[in-house]
Protein backbone atom coordinates (compact mmCIF):
# COMPACT_ATOMS: atom_id res chain seq x y z
CA MET A 1 -55.37 -25.75 -42.07
CA PHE A 2 -52.27 -25.22 -43.59
CA ARG A 3 -50.98 -23.66 -40.12
CA LYS A 4 -51.80 -27.07 -38.91
CA ILE A 5 -50.16 -29.12 -41.22
CA LEU A 6 -46.86 -26.31 -40.27
CA LEU A 7 -47.06 -26.85 -37.02
CA ARG A 8 -47.03 -30.73 -37.42
CA ALA A 9 -43.89 -30.38 -39.83
CA LYS A 10 -42.36 -28.50 -37.56
CA ARG A 11 -42.94 -30.93 -34.35
CA GLN A 12 -42.13 -33.94 -36.45
CA ILE A 13 -38.52 -32.23 -37.66
CA LEU A 14 -37.89 -30.61 -33.64
CA LYS A 15 -38.82 -34.27 -33.01
CA ASP A 16 -36.24 -35.61 -35.72
CA ALA A 17 -33.87 -33.22 -34.63
CA TYR A 18 -33.57 -34.74 -31.05
CA ILE A 19 -33.26 -38.06 -31.62
CA ARG A 20 -30.97 -37.28 -33.46
CA ALA A 21 -29.30 -35.54 -31.35
CA GLU A 22 -29.92 -38.23 -29.13
CA GLU A 23 -27.69 -41.01 -31.19
CA ILE A 24 -25.03 -38.03 -31.82
CA LEU A 25 -24.22 -37.67 -27.68
CA GLN A 26 -24.27 -41.52 -27.24
CA ASP A 27 -22.23 -42.38 -30.04
CA ALA A 28 -19.38 -39.77 -28.76
CA GLU A 29 -20.40 -40.93 -24.94
CA LEU A 30 -19.06 -44.93 -26.34
CA GLU A 31 -16.86 -43.03 -27.90
CA ALA A 32 -14.94 -41.91 -24.82
CA GLN A 33 -15.28 -44.11 -23.13
CA LYS A 34 -13.53 -46.25 -25.63
CA ILE A 35 -10.36 -43.71 -25.85
CA VAL A 36 -9.69 -43.48 -21.78
CA SER A 37 -10.38 -47.31 -21.49
CA GLU A 38 -7.47 -47.33 -25.09
CA SER A 39 -5.87 -44.86 -22.63
CA GLU A 40 -5.66 -47.26 -19.59
CA ILE A 41 -4.47 -49.26 -20.79
CA LEU A 42 -1.82 -48.11 -22.24
CA LYS A 43 -1.02 -46.72 -18.85
CA ARG A 44 -0.19 -49.32 -17.92
CA ILE A 45 1.97 -51.09 -20.10
CA GLN A 46 3.93 -48.04 -20.25
CA PHE A 47 3.84 -48.24 -16.70
CA GLU A 48 4.71 -52.37 -16.70
CA ALA A 49 7.37 -51.34 -18.95
CA GLU A 50 9.53 -49.30 -17.04
CA LYS A 51 8.90 -51.73 -14.78
CA ILE A 52 10.28 -54.39 -16.98
CA LYS A 53 13.54 -52.01 -18.68
CA GLN A 54 14.52 -51.31 -14.35
CA ASP A 55 14.57 -54.41 -13.39
CA THR A 56 16.40 -55.11 -16.32
CA ILE A 57 19.08 -52.62 -15.77
CA ALA A 58 19.27 -53.54 -11.40
CA ALA A 59 20.14 -57.01 -12.84
CA CYS A 60 22.54 -56.37 -15.79
CA LYS A 61 23.84 -53.98 -12.35
CA LYS A 62 24.23 -56.76 -10.59
CA LEU A 63 25.74 -59.54 -12.94
CA LYS A 64 28.19 -56.39 -13.39
CA THR A 65 29.11 -56.39 -10.17
CA GLU A 66 29.06 -60.14 -9.87
CA SER A 67 31.93 -60.45 -12.26
CA SER A 68 33.94 -57.91 -11.66
CA GLY A 69 34.22 -59.42 -8.25
CA LEU A 70 35.81 -62.96 -9.47
């Protein structure tokens, strides 16, 4: 009888541990997806900022060239 109680307790502990492990994995996957999404957004922002910078440099060079011809 004591052995059956121990086996039930063991099974319950393993079941609870499995459930908790699944929850931890799900939380980790969600966090990873969030980080990847934020990383992609940051890359896009950096790309757009660099494009604006290059466009601004080009516009300044054009204005300088036009103003030196006056």
